[in-house]
Amino acid sequence: MVALDAIETGLVIILGGYDKHSEFDELLGIIKDKDTRAVVVLGATKDKIIQSAQKCGYDRIYEVENYEQAVKKCAELAESGDYVLLSPACASWDMFDNYETRGKVFKELVRGL
């Protein structure tokens, strides 16, 4: 939620990962209120995040299976001047050994666009 405060408009955000039994209703409410362009979800929590989005009436949500698909989908959805934010609100353990590896993979995929 802190990362969202730094961005005023033009946001595409990647959410999801290992389920630490967090709730996402408040986060999705903030995402909706900020008029976020899109949310890309993946990982073990994607269904839980989608349910929270549906509860708050946010419908610009896209499911992907991995980070390669996530980065490609964000590139399709973002417009010039937008921010693409990797702020998954979840642990990385369902797909990576740690958050550092997840971040490294994300950077490599972005550089490869």
N, C-alpha and C. Protein backbone atom coordinates (compact mmCIF):
# COMPACT_ATOMS: atom_id res chain seq x y z
N MET A 1 0.82 -1.19 0.00
CA MET A 1 0.00 0.00 0.00
C MET A 1 0.87 1.25 0.00
N VAL A 2 2.02 1.18 0.62
CA VAL A 2 2.92 2.32 0.64
C VAL A 2 3.40 2.65 -0.77
N ALA A 3 3.73 1.63 -1.54
CA ALA A 3 4.19 1.85 -2.92
C ALA A 3 3.11 2.55 -3.74
N LEU A 4 1.85 2.23 -3.50
CA LEU A 4 0.76 2.85 -4.25
C LEU A 4 0.65 4.34 -3.96
N ASP A 5 1.02 4.75 -2.76
CA ASP A 5 0.96 6.17 -2.40
C ASP A 5 1.90 7.02 -3.23
N ALA A 6 2.96 6.42 -3.74
CA ALA A 6 3.97 7.17 -4.49
C ALA A 6 3.56 7.41 -5.94
N ILE A 7 2.51 6.74 -6.41
CA ILE A 7 2.11 6.83 -7.82
C ILE A 7 0.71 7.43 -7.89
N GLU A 8 0.60 8.48 -8.64
CA GLU A 8 -0.68 9.18 -8.76
C GLU A 8 -1.61 8.54 -9.78
N THR A 9 -1.10 8.22 -10.95
CA THR A 9 -1.96 7.73 -12.03
C THR A 9 -1.14 6.88 -12.99
N GLY A 10 -1.83 6.16 -13.86
CA GLY A 10 -1.14 5.37 -14.88
C GLY A 10 -0.38 4.20 -14.30
N LEU A 11 -1.07 3.32 -13.59
CA LEU A 11 -0.42 2.22 -12.90
C LEU A 11 -0.92 0.87 -13.40
N VAL A 12 0.03 -0.01 -13.67
CA VAL A 12 -0.23 -1.43 -13.89
C VAL A 12 0.59 -2.14 -12.82
N ILE A 13 -0.06 -2.97 -12.03
CA ILE A 13 0.62 -3.60 -10.89
C ILE A 13 0.55 -5.12 -10.98
N ILE A 14 1.65 -5.76 -10.60
CA ILE A 14 1.72 -7.23 -10.53
C ILE A 14 1.54 -7.62 -9.07
N LEU A 15 0.55 -8.47 -8.82
CA LEU A 15 0.25 -8.98 -7.47
C LEU A 15 0.25 -10.50 -7.48
N GLY A 16 0.61 -11.08 -6.37
CA GLY A 16 0.46 -12.52 -6.20
C GLY A 16 1.75 -13.22 -5.86
N GLY A 17 1.59 -14.43 -5.38
CA GLY A 17 2.71 -15.27 -4.98
C GLY A 17 2.25 -16.27 -3.94
N TYR A 18 3.15 -16.63 -3.07
CA TYR A 18 2.88 -17.60 -2.02
C TYR A 18 1.86 -17.04 -1.03
N ASP A 19 0.93 -17.86 -0.62
CA ASP A 19 -0.14 -17.42 0.28
C ASP A 19 0.34 -17.41 1.73
N LYS A 20 0.49 -16.21 2.26
CA LYS A 20 0.86 -16.04 3.68
C LYS A 20 -0.40 -15.78 4.51
N HIS A 21 -1.55 -16.09 3.94
CA HIS A 21 -2.84 -15.93 4.60
C HIS A 21 -3.16 -14.46 4.88
N SER A 22 -2.75 -13.60 3.97
CA SER A 22 -3.07 -12.18 4.04
C SER A 22 -4.43 -11.95 3.42
N GLU A 23 -5.02 -10.84 3.78
CA GLU A 23 -6.27 -10.40 3.17
C GLU A 23 -5.95 -9.30 2.17
N PHE A 24 -6.71 -9.22 1.09
CA PHE A 24 -6.42 -8.28 0.02
C PHE A 24 -7.54 -7.27 -0.23
N ASP A 25 -8.60 -7.32 0.56
CA ASP A 25 -9.74 -6.44 0.33
C ASP A 25 -9.33 -4.96 0.41
N GLU A 26 -8.62 -4.58 1.44
CA GLU A 26 -8.22 -3.18 1.60
C GLU A 26 -7.30 -2.75 0.46
N LEU A 27 -6.34 -3.58 0.11
CA LEU A 27 -5.42 -3.28 -0.98
C LEU A 27 -6.17 -3.08 -2.29
N LEU A 28 -7.08 -3.96 -2.62
CA LEU A 28 -7.83 -3.83 -3.87
C LEU A 28 -8.74 -2.61 -3.85
N GLY A 29 -9.25 -2.25 -2.69
CA GLY A 29 -10.03 -1.02 -2.58
C GLY A 29 -9.20 0.21 -2.92
N ILE A 30 -7.96 0.23 -2.44
CA ILE A 30 -7.05 1.34 -2.75
C ILE A 30 -6.72 1.34 -4.24
N ILE A 31 -6.46 0.17 -4.78
CA ILE A 31 -6.16 0.05 -6.21
C ILE A 31 -7.32 0.58 -7.05
N LYS A 32 -8.53 0.24 -6.66
CA LYS A 32 -9.70 0.73 -7.39
C LYS A 32 -9.82 2.25 -7.25
N ASP A 33 -9.66 2.76 -6.05
CA ASP A 33 -9.79 4.20 -5.81
C ASP A 33 -8.74 5.01 -6.55
N LYS A 34 -7.57 4.42 -6.80
CA LYS A 34 -6.51 5.11 -7.53
C LYS A 34 -6.75 5.06 -9.04
N ASP A 35 -7.81 4.41 -9.47
CA ASP A 35 -8.09 4.24 -10.89
C ASP A 35 -6.92 3.57 -11.60
N THR A 36 -6.42 2.50 -10.98
CA THR A 36 -5.32 1.72 -11.54
C THR A 36 -5.74 1.13 -12.89
N ARG A 37 -4.85 1.27 -13.86
CA ARG A 37 -5.14 0.81 -15.22
C ARG A 37 -5.42 -0.71 -15.24
N ALA A 38 -4.58 -1.50 -14.55
CA ALA A 38 -4.77 -2.94 -14.57
C ALA A 38 -3.99 -3.59 -13.43
N VAL A 39 -4.47 -4.77 -13.04
CA VAL A 39 -3.78 -5.62 -12.08
C VAL A 39 -3.53 -6.96 -12.77
N VAL A 40 -2.28 -7.39 -12.72
CA VAL A 40 -1.89 -8.68 -13.28
C VAL A 40 -1.60 -9.59 -12.10
N VAL A 41 -2.28 -10.74 -12.03
CA VAL A 41 -2.14 -11.64 -10.88
C VAL A 41 -1.57 -12.98 -11.30
N LEU A 42 -0.81 -13.56 -10.38
CA LEU A 42 -0.23 -14.88 -10.60
C LEU A 42 0.08 -15.52 -9.26
N GLY A 43 0.45 -16.76 -9.30
CA GLY A 43 0.87 -17.46 -8.10
C GLY A 43 -0.27 -18.06 -7.30
N ALA A 44 0.08 -18.57 -6.15
CA ALA A 44 -0.85 -19.31 -5.30
C ALA A 44 -2.01 -18.45 -4.80
N THR A 45 -1.83 -17.15 -4.74
CA THR A 45 -2.88 -16.28 -4.21
C THR A 45 -3.75 -15.62 -5.27
N LYS A 46 -3.54 -15.95 -6.54
CA LYS A 46 -4.26 -15.21 -7.59
C LYS A 46 -5.77 -15.31 -7.44
N ASP A 47 -6.30 -16.46 -7.09
CA ASP A 47 -7.75 -16.59 -6.94
C ASP A 47 -8.27 -15.74 -5.77
N LYS A 48 -7.51 -15.70 -4.69
CA LYS A 48 -7.88 -14.90 -3.52
C LYS A 48 -7.88 -13.41 -3.87
N ILE A 49 -6.91 -12.98 -4.64
CA ILE A 49 -6.83 -11.58 -5.07
C ILE A 49 -7.98 -11.25 -6.01
N ILE A 50 -8.29 -12.15 -6.90
CA ILE A 50 -9.43 -11.95 -7.82
C ILE A 50 -10.73 -11.81 -7.04
N GLN A 51 -10.92 -12.63 -6.02
CA GLN A 51 -12.12 -12.54 -5.19
C GLN A 51 -12.21 -11.19 -4.50
N SER A 52 -11.10 -10.69 -4.00
CA SER A 52 -11.09 -9.37 -3.37
C SER A 52 -11.41 -8.29 -4.39
N ALA A 53 -10.89 -8.41 -5.59
CA ALA A 53 -11.18 -7.44 -6.65
C ALA A 53 -12.68 -7.44 -6.96
N GLN A 54 -13.26 -8.62 -7.06
CA GLN A 54 -14.68 -8.72 -7.35
C GLN A 54 -15.52 -8.10 -6.24
N LYS A 55 -15.12 -8.31 -4.99
CA LYS A 55 -15.85 -7.73 -3.85
C LYS A 55 -15.91 -6.21 -3.92
N CYS A 56 -14.82 -5.60 -4.35
CA CYS A 56 -14.78 -4.13 -4.37
C CYS A 56 -15.19 -3.56 -5.73
N GLY A 57 -15.53 -4.43 -6.66
CA GLY A 57 -16.01 -3.95 -7.96
C GLY A 57 -14.92 -3.57 -8.94
N TYR A 58 -13.72 -4.08 -8.73
CA TYR A 58 -12.62 -3.80 -9.65
C TYR A 58 -12.55 -4.94 -10.67
N ASP A 59 -12.61 -4.60 -11.96
CA ASP A 59 -12.69 -5.67 -12.96
C ASP A 59 -11.57 -5.66 -14.00
N ARG A 60 -10.59 -4.82 -13.83
CA ARG A 60 -9.47 -4.81 -14.79
C ARG A 60 -8.33 -5.66 -14.24
N ILE A 61 -8.60 -6.95 -14.16
CA ILE A 61 -7.66 -7.89 -13.57
C ILE A 61 -7.36 -8.99 -14.59
N TYR A 62 -6.10 -9.36 -14.69
CA TYR A 62 -5.65 -10.32 -15.70
C TYR A 62 -4.83 -11.40 -15.04
N GLU A 63 -5.17 -12.65 -15.33
CA GLU A 63 -4.46 -13.80 -14.78
C GLU A 63 -3.36 -14.25 -15.73
N VAL A 64 -2.20 -14.56 -15.16
CA VAL A 64 -1.10 -15.15 -15.92
C VAL A 64 -0.51 -16.29 -15.10
N GLU A 65 0.32 -17.10 -15.73
CA GLU A 65 0.88 -18.28 -15.06
C GLU A 65 2.29 -18.08 -14.53
N ASN A 66 3.03 -17.12 -15.08
CA ASN A 66 4.43 -16.95 -14.68
C ASN A 66 4.88 -15.51 -14.92
N TYR A 67 6.10 -15.20 -14.54
CA TYR A 67 6.59 -13.83 -14.66
C TYR A 67 6.84 -13.42 -16.10
N GLU A 68 7.21 -14.33 -16.95
CA GLU A 68 7.37 -13.98 -18.36
C GLU A 68 6.04 -13.49 -18.93
N GLN A 69 4.98 -14.22 -18.65
CA GLN A 69 3.65 -13.80 -19.10
C GLN A 69 3.23 -12.49 -18.42
N ALA A 70 3.57 -12.32 -17.16
CA ALA A 70 3.20 -11.11 -16.43
C ALA A 70 3.83 -9.88 -17.07
N VAL A 71 5.11 -9.94 -17.36
CA VAL A 71 5.80 -8.79 -17.95
C VAL A 71 5.24 -8.50 -19.34
N LYS A 72 4.99 -9.54 -20.13
CA LYS A 72 4.41 -9.33 -21.47
C LYS A 72 3.02 -8.70 -21.37
N LYS A 73 2.20 -9.17 -20.45
CA LYS A 73 0.85 -8.63 -20.28
C LYS A 73 0.92 -7.16 -19.83
N CYS A 74 1.83 -6.85 -18.91
CA CYS A 74 1.99 -5.46 -18.48
C CYS A 74 2.42 -4.57 -19.64
N ALA A 75 3.30 -5.06 -20.47
CA ALA A 75 3.75 -4.29 -21.63
C ALA A 75 2.58 -4.03 -22.58
N GLU A 76 1.67 -4.98 -22.71
CA GLU A 76 0.48 -4.80 -23.56
C GLU A 76 -0.48 -3.77 -22.96
N LEU A 77 -0.63 -3.79 -21.65
CA LEU A 77 -1.64 -2.97 -20.97
C LEU A 77 -1.19 -1.55 -20.68
N ALA A 78 0.09 -1.37 -20.42
CA ALA A 78 0.60 -0.05 -20.05
C ALA A 78 0.62 0.88 -21.26
N GLU A 79 0.36 2.14 -20.98
CA GLU A 79 0.45 3.17 -22.00
C GLU A 79 1.69 4.02 -21.73
N SER A 80 2.12 4.78 -22.71
CA SER A 80 3.29 5.63 -22.56
C SER A 80 3.16 6.51 -21.31
N GLY A 81 4.19 6.50 -20.48
CA GLY A 81 4.18 7.29 -19.26
C GLY A 81 3.65 6.56 -18.04
N ASP A 82 3.08 5.38 -18.21
CA ASP A 82 2.56 4.59 -17.09
C ASP A 82 3.70 3.98 -16.27
N TYR A 83 3.36 3.59 -15.07
CA TYR A 83 4.26 2.86 -14.20
C TYR A 83 3.83 1.39 -14.19
N VAL A 84 4.80 0.50 -14.28
CA VAL A 84 4.55 -0.92 -14.06
C VAL A 84 5.26 -1.27 -12.77
N LEU A 85 4.47 -1.67 -11.79
CA LEU A 85 4.97 -1.89 -10.44
C LEU A 85 4.93 -3.36 -10.06
N LEU A 86 6.09 -3.90 -9.70
CA LEU A 86 6.16 -5.23 -9.11
C LEU A 86 6.09 -5.02 -7.61
N SER A 87 4.91 -5.22 -7.08
CA SER A 87 4.67 -5.08 -5.64
C SER A 87 3.67 -6.15 -5.25
N PRO A 88 4.13 -7.41 -5.25
CA PRO A 88 3.22 -8.55 -5.21
C PRO A 88 2.40 -8.76 -3.95
N ALA A 89 2.76 -8.12 -2.84
CA ALA A 89 2.02 -8.26 -1.58
C ALA A 89 2.00 -9.71 -1.09
N CYS A 90 2.93 -10.51 -1.57
CA CYS A 90 3.02 -11.93 -1.21
C CYS A 90 4.48 -12.37 -1.23
N ALA A 91 4.74 -13.47 -0.58
CA ALA A 91 6.08 -14.05 -0.61
C ALA A 91 6.34 -14.67 -1.98
N SER A 92 7.59 -14.90 -2.28
CA SER A 92 8.00 -15.41 -3.59
C SER A 92 8.13 -16.92 -3.63
N TRP A 93 7.95 -17.60 -2.53
CA TRP A 93 8.33 -19.01 -2.39
C TRP A 93 7.56 -19.97 -3.27
N ASP A 94 6.46 -19.57 -3.86
CA ASP A 94 5.75 -20.51 -4.73
C ASP A 94 6.42 -20.64 -6.08
N MET A 95 7.27 -19.67 -6.46
CA MET A 95 7.93 -19.71 -7.77
C MET A 95 9.43 -19.49 -7.70
N PHE A 96 9.94 -18.93 -6.59
CA PHE A 96 11.35 -18.57 -6.48
C PHE A 96 11.89 -18.96 -5.12
N ASP A 97 13.22 -19.03 -5.04
CA ASP A 97 13.86 -19.32 -3.75
C ASP A 97 13.70 -18.17 -2.77
N ASN A 98 13.66 -16.93 -3.29
CA ASN A 98 13.55 -15.76 -2.43
C ASN A 98 13.12 -14.55 -3.26
N TYR A 99 12.84 -13.45 -2.56
CA TYR A 99 12.37 -12.24 -3.24
C TYR A 99 13.45 -11.62 -4.12
N GLU A 100 14.72 -11.83 -3.76
CA GLU A 100 15.81 -11.27 -4.57
C GLU A 100 15.84 -11.91 -5.95
N THR A 101 15.66 -13.22 -6.00
CA THR A 101 15.63 -13.92 -7.28
C THR A 101 14.43 -13.47 -8.10
N ARG A 102 13.27 -13.31 -7.45
CA ARG A 102 12.08 -12.82 -8.15
C ARG A 102 12.36 -11.45 -8.76
N GLY A 103 12.96 -10.56 -8.02
CA GLY A 103 13.28 -9.23 -8.53
C GLY A 103 14.27 -9.27 -9.67
N LYS A 104 15.26 -10.13 -9.57
CA LYS A 104 16.26 -10.27 -10.63
C LYS A 104 15.61 -10.76 -11.92
N VAL A 105 14.75 -11.77 -11.80
CA VAL A 105 14.05 -12.30 -12.98
C VAL A 105 13.17 -11.22 -13.59
N PHE A 106 12.46 -10.47 -12.77
CA PHE A 106 11.61 -9.39 -13.26
C PHE A 106 12.44 -8.38 -14.06
N LYS A 107 13.55 -7.94 -13.51
CA LYS A 107 14.41 -6.97 -14.20
C LYS A 107 14.91 -7.52 -15.53
N GLU A 108 15.34 -8.79 -15.54
CA GLU A 108 15.84 -9.38 -16.78
C GLU A 108 14.75 -9.44 -17.85
N LEU A 109 13.53 -9.78 -17.44
CA LEU A 109 12.43 -9.86 -18.38
C LEU A 109 12.08 -8.48 -18.94
N VAL A 110 12.09 -7.47 -18.08
CA VAL A 110 11.80 -6.10 -18.53
C VAL A 110 12.88 -5.64 -19.51
N ARG A 111 14.12 -5.90 -19.17
CA ARG A 111 15.22 -5.49 -20.07
C ARG A 111 15.13 -6.21 -21.42
N GLY A 112 14.55 -7.39 -21.42
CA GLY A 112 14.43 -8.16 -22.65
C GLY A 112 13.28 -7.75 -23.56
N LEU A 113 12.48 -6.80 -23.15
CA LEU A 113 11.36 -6.35 -23.99
C LEU A 113 11.84 -5.64 -25.23
